Protein backbone atom coordinates (compact mmCIF):
# COMPACT_ATOMS: atom_id res chain seq x y z
CA MET A 1 11.49 -8.02 -27.82
CA LYS A 2 14.11 -5.58 -26.57
CA LEU A 3 12.76 -2.99 -24.15
CA LYS A 4 14.19 0.28 -22.93
CA LYS A 5 15.84 -0.24 -19.55
CA THR A 6 13.46 2.34 -18.07
CA ASP A 7 10.57 -0.04 -18.92
CA TYR A 8 11.88 -2.85 -16.65
CA TYR A 9 9.02 -2.41 -14.16
CA LYS A 10 6.47 -3.30 -16.87
CA LEU A 11 7.70 -6.90 -16.63
CA LEU A 12 6.60 -7.20 -13.00
CA VAL A 13 3.11 -7.65 -11.57
CA ARG A 14 3.06 -5.80 -8.24
CA SER A 15 0.50 -5.75 -5.44
CA VAL A 16 -1.31 -2.44 -5.06
CA VAL A 17 -1.49 -1.01 -1.57
CA VAL A 18 -3.18 2.19 -0.51
CA VAL A 19 -1.12 4.01 2.10
CA SER A 20 -3.10 6.19 4.47
CA THR A 21 -1.56 9.01 6.48
CA ILE A 22 -2.75 12.12 8.32
CA SER A 23 -1.63 15.72 8.34
CA GLU A 24 -0.62 17.55 11.51
CA LYS A 25 -4.22 18.86 11.62
CA GLY A 26 -5.59 15.29 11.51
CA ILE A 27 -6.84 15.34 7.90
CA SER A 28 -6.57 11.91 6.24
CA ASN A 29 -4.69 11.24 3.03
CA ALA A 30 -4.57 8.07 0.95
CA ALA A 31 -2.68 7.12 -2.20
CA PRO A 32 -2.02 3.90 -4.12
CA PHE A 33 1.48 2.46 -4.46
CA SER A 34 2.86 -0.64 -6.14
CA PHE A 35 6.61 -0.27 -5.63
CA SER A 36 6.48 -1.89 -2.18
CA SER A 37 7.65 -4.96 -0.31
CA PRO A 38 8.10 -6.73 3.00
CA LEU A 39 11.78 -6.28 3.92
CA SER A 40 12.47 -8.33 7.03
CA PHE A 41 10.83 -10.98 9.21
CA ASN A 42 12.66 -10.02 12.39
CA PRO A 43 12.22 -7.21 13.03
CA PRO A 44 9.14 -6.99 10.82
CA LEU A 45 9.82 -4.20 8.31
CA TYR A 46 7.83 -3.01 5.29
CA GLY A 47 8.96 -0.57 2.61
CA PHE A 48 7.52 1.40 -0.27
CA SER A 49 8.65 3.97 -2.78
CA CYS A 50 7.04 7.42 -2.84
CA SER A 51 7.64 10.62 -4.77
CA GLN A 52 9.16 13.32 -2.58
CA GLU A 53 6.48 15.78 -3.73
CA HIS A 54 3.67 13.48 -2.61
CA HIS A 55 1.44 14.41 0.34
CA THR A 56 2.02 10.89 1.69
CA TRP A 57 5.72 11.62 2.18
CA ARG A 58 5.00 15.04 3.70
CA ASN A 59 2.63 13.49 6.25
CA ILE A 60 5.01 10.65 7.12
CA LYS A 61 7.83 13.13 7.70
CA GLU A 62 5.54 15.11 10.04
CA ASN A 63 3.90 12.23 11.93
CA GLU A 64 6.15 9.20 11.33
CA GLU A 65 3.18 6.83 10.94
CA PHE A 66 1.27 5.20 8.11
CA VAL A 67 -1.15 2.38 7.35
CA VAL A 68 -0.68 0.02 4.43
CA ASN A 69 -4.17 -0.94 3.25
CA ILE A 70 -4.17 -4.14 1.16
CA VAL A 71 -6.88 -3.72 -1.48
CA GLY A 72 -8.86 -5.98 -3.79
CA LYS A 73 -10.04 -5.54 -7.35
CA ASP A 74 -13.24 -3.84 -6.15
CA LEU A 75 -11.14 -0.75 -5.36
CA GLY A 76 -9.59 -0.75 -8.86
CA PRO A 77 -12.12 1.74 -10.24
CA LEU A 78 -11.16 4.15 -7.43
CA MET A 79 -7.41 4.29 -8.20
CA HIS A 80 -7.85 7.39 -10.37
CA VAL A 81 -9.53 9.20 -7.47
CA LEU A 82 -6.94 8.12 -4.89
CA GLU A 83 -3.99 9.11 -7.08
CA GLN A 84 -5.24 12.60 -7.93
CA MET A 85 -3.06 15.44 -6.74
CA LEU A 86 -5.77 17.11 -4.67
CA PRO A 87 -4.98 20.18 -2.59
CA TYR A 88 -3.12 19.37 0.62
CA GLU A 89 -5.48 18.36 3.44
CA VAL A 90 -8.31 17.32 1.11
CA SER A 91 -9.07 13.71 2.03
CA GLU A 92 -8.77 11.26 -0.86
CA ILE A 93 -10.53 8.69 1.33
CA GLU A 94 -13.57 10.95 1.53
CA LYS A 95 -13.39 11.91 -2.18
CA ALA A 96 -13.33 8.21 -3.15
CA GLY A 97 -16.38 7.47 -0.96
CA LEU A 98 -14.40 5.10 1.26
CA THR A 99 -14.79 4.65 5.00
CA GLU A 100 -12.19 5.64 7.58
CA GLU A 101 -11.76 3.20 10.44
CA ARG A 102 -9.75 3.80 13.61
CA SER A 103 -6.35 2.09 13.57
CA LYS A 104 -5.21 0.09 16.60
CA LYS A 105 -1.64 1.40 17.09
CA VAL A 106 -1.19 4.49 14.88
CA SER A 107 -3.04 7.76 14.25
CA PRO A 108 -3.68 7.48 10.48
CA PRO A 109 -6.95 5.70 9.73
CA ARG A 110 -7.42 2.34 8.12
CA ILE A 111 -9.67 2.07 5.08
CA LYS A 112 -12.58 -0.17 6.07
CA GLU A 113 -13.09 -1.51 2.53
CA ALA A 114 -9.52 -2.94 2.44
CA ILE A 115 -8.79 -6.66 2.74
CA ALA A 116 -6.04 -6.26 5.33
CA TRP A 117 -3.98 -3.60 7.14
CA ILE A 118 -0.36 -3.15 8.17
CA GLU A 119 0.14 -0.35 10.69
CA CYS A 120 3.65 1.09 10.63
CA LYS A 121 5.93 3.53 12.44
CA LEU A 122 8.62 5.20 10.33
CA GLU A 123 11.91 3.32 10.77
CA SER A 124 14.06 4.96 8.09
CA PHE A 125 14.04 6.52 4.65
CA LYS A 126 16.50 6.92 1.81
CA GLU A 127 16.47 8.85 -1.42
CA ALA A 128 16.36 6.29 -4.24
CA GLY A 129 16.52 7.83 -7.70
CA ASP A 130 13.50 10.05 -8.22
CA HIS A 131 11.68 8.58 -5.20
CA MET A 132 12.03 8.19 -1.45
CA TRP A 133 12.24 4.62 -0.12
CA ILE A 134 10.27 4.60 3.14
CA VAL A 135 10.75 1.81 5.67
CA GLY A 136 8.26 1.22 8.46
CA SER A 137 8.40 -0.97 11.56
CA VAL A 138 5.30 -3.13 11.55
CA LEU A 139 3.30 -2.49 14.75
CA GLU A 140 -0.02 -4.23 13.98
CA VAL A 141 -1.37 -6.51 11.25
CA ASP A 142 -5.00 -7.49 10.66
CA VAL A 143 -6.90 -9.23 7.88
CA LYS A 144 -10.64 -9.79 7.43
CA ASP A 145 -11.43 -13.37 8.50
CA GLU A 146 -13.01 -14.34 5.18
CA PHE A 147 -9.74 -13.66 3.35
CA TRP A 148 -7.47 -15.69 5.65
CA SER A 149 -6.62 -19.39 5.50
CA GLU A 150 -3.03 -19.92 6.73
CA VAL A 151 -2.08 -17.23 4.15
CA ILE A 152 -4.18 -14.67 2.31
CA ASP A 153 -6.78 -16.46 0.19
CA VAL A 154 -6.02 -14.82 -3.15
CA GLU A 155 -8.99 -16.44 -4.87
CA LYS A 156 -11.44 -14.88 -2.40
CA ALA A 157 -9.58 -11.61 -1.86
CA SER A 158 -8.69 -11.01 -5.51
CA PRO A 159 -5.92 -8.55 -4.63
CA LEU A 160 -5.41 -5.69 -7.04
CA CYS A 161 -2.04 -5.79 -8.80
CA HIS A 162 -0.48 -3.15 -11.02
CA ILE A 163 1.55 -3.68 -14.17
CA SER A 164 1.89 -0.21 -15.72
CA GLY A 165 -0.27 2.84 -16.37
CA THR A 166 -3.87 1.67 -16.74
CA PHE A 167 -2.91 -2.05 -16.83
CA PHE A 168 -3.80 -4.09 -13.74
CA ALA A 169 -4.09 -7.81 -12.88
CA THR A 170 -6.88 -9.13 -10.68
CA GLU A 171 -7.47 -12.88 -10.93
CA MET A 172 -5.15 -15.26 -9.08
CA LYS A 173 -5.07 -18.96 -8.23
CA MET A 174 -3.41 -20.48 -5.18
CA LYS A 175 -0.74 -23.12 -5.84
CA LYS A 176 1.69 -24.74 -3.42
CA TYR A 177 5.21 -25.87 -4.36
CA GLU A 178 7.77 -27.71 -2.26
CA ARG A 179 10.57 -25.50 -0.93
CA ALA A 180 13.91 -26.36 0.61
CA MET A 181 13.68 -23.70 3.32
CA LYS A 182 11.06 -23.71 6.04
């Protein structure tokens, strides 16, 4: 089937992360993103794509910090709450009934119900089409013990993945394949 080139992203299953930030007044913000990726091992860099009108981008420009919360399928029903365009400085974390937890190296809170957390300091940003590509230096990484076994245990964690619109993927199986590089 031939698709429109603007539908390319519907061919990819992407991990959902919820990025938490804070305003200058210390009010938390959280929003889901699926255009995101690790960028470099050394130095450890993480990037994600965000609309320039989004409160997430506004807060990162002001404070230069953010937390990438890795979420499981249990947070799937809350995506519609977290992605609402609420008035600035209304906490989506609070509206979704989630729990803020103090981060170890940055000011924005972690979301306690997440599987894992990546705390970042803004490294760089670049306009990319209709979005801003935001790159963070990774300062701290934690995962709940029950979801870790050399790598994230996808069968236990059941990470939430996005395809397009209301379509998500949730069930994964771990499989190892030989690789040439170590």
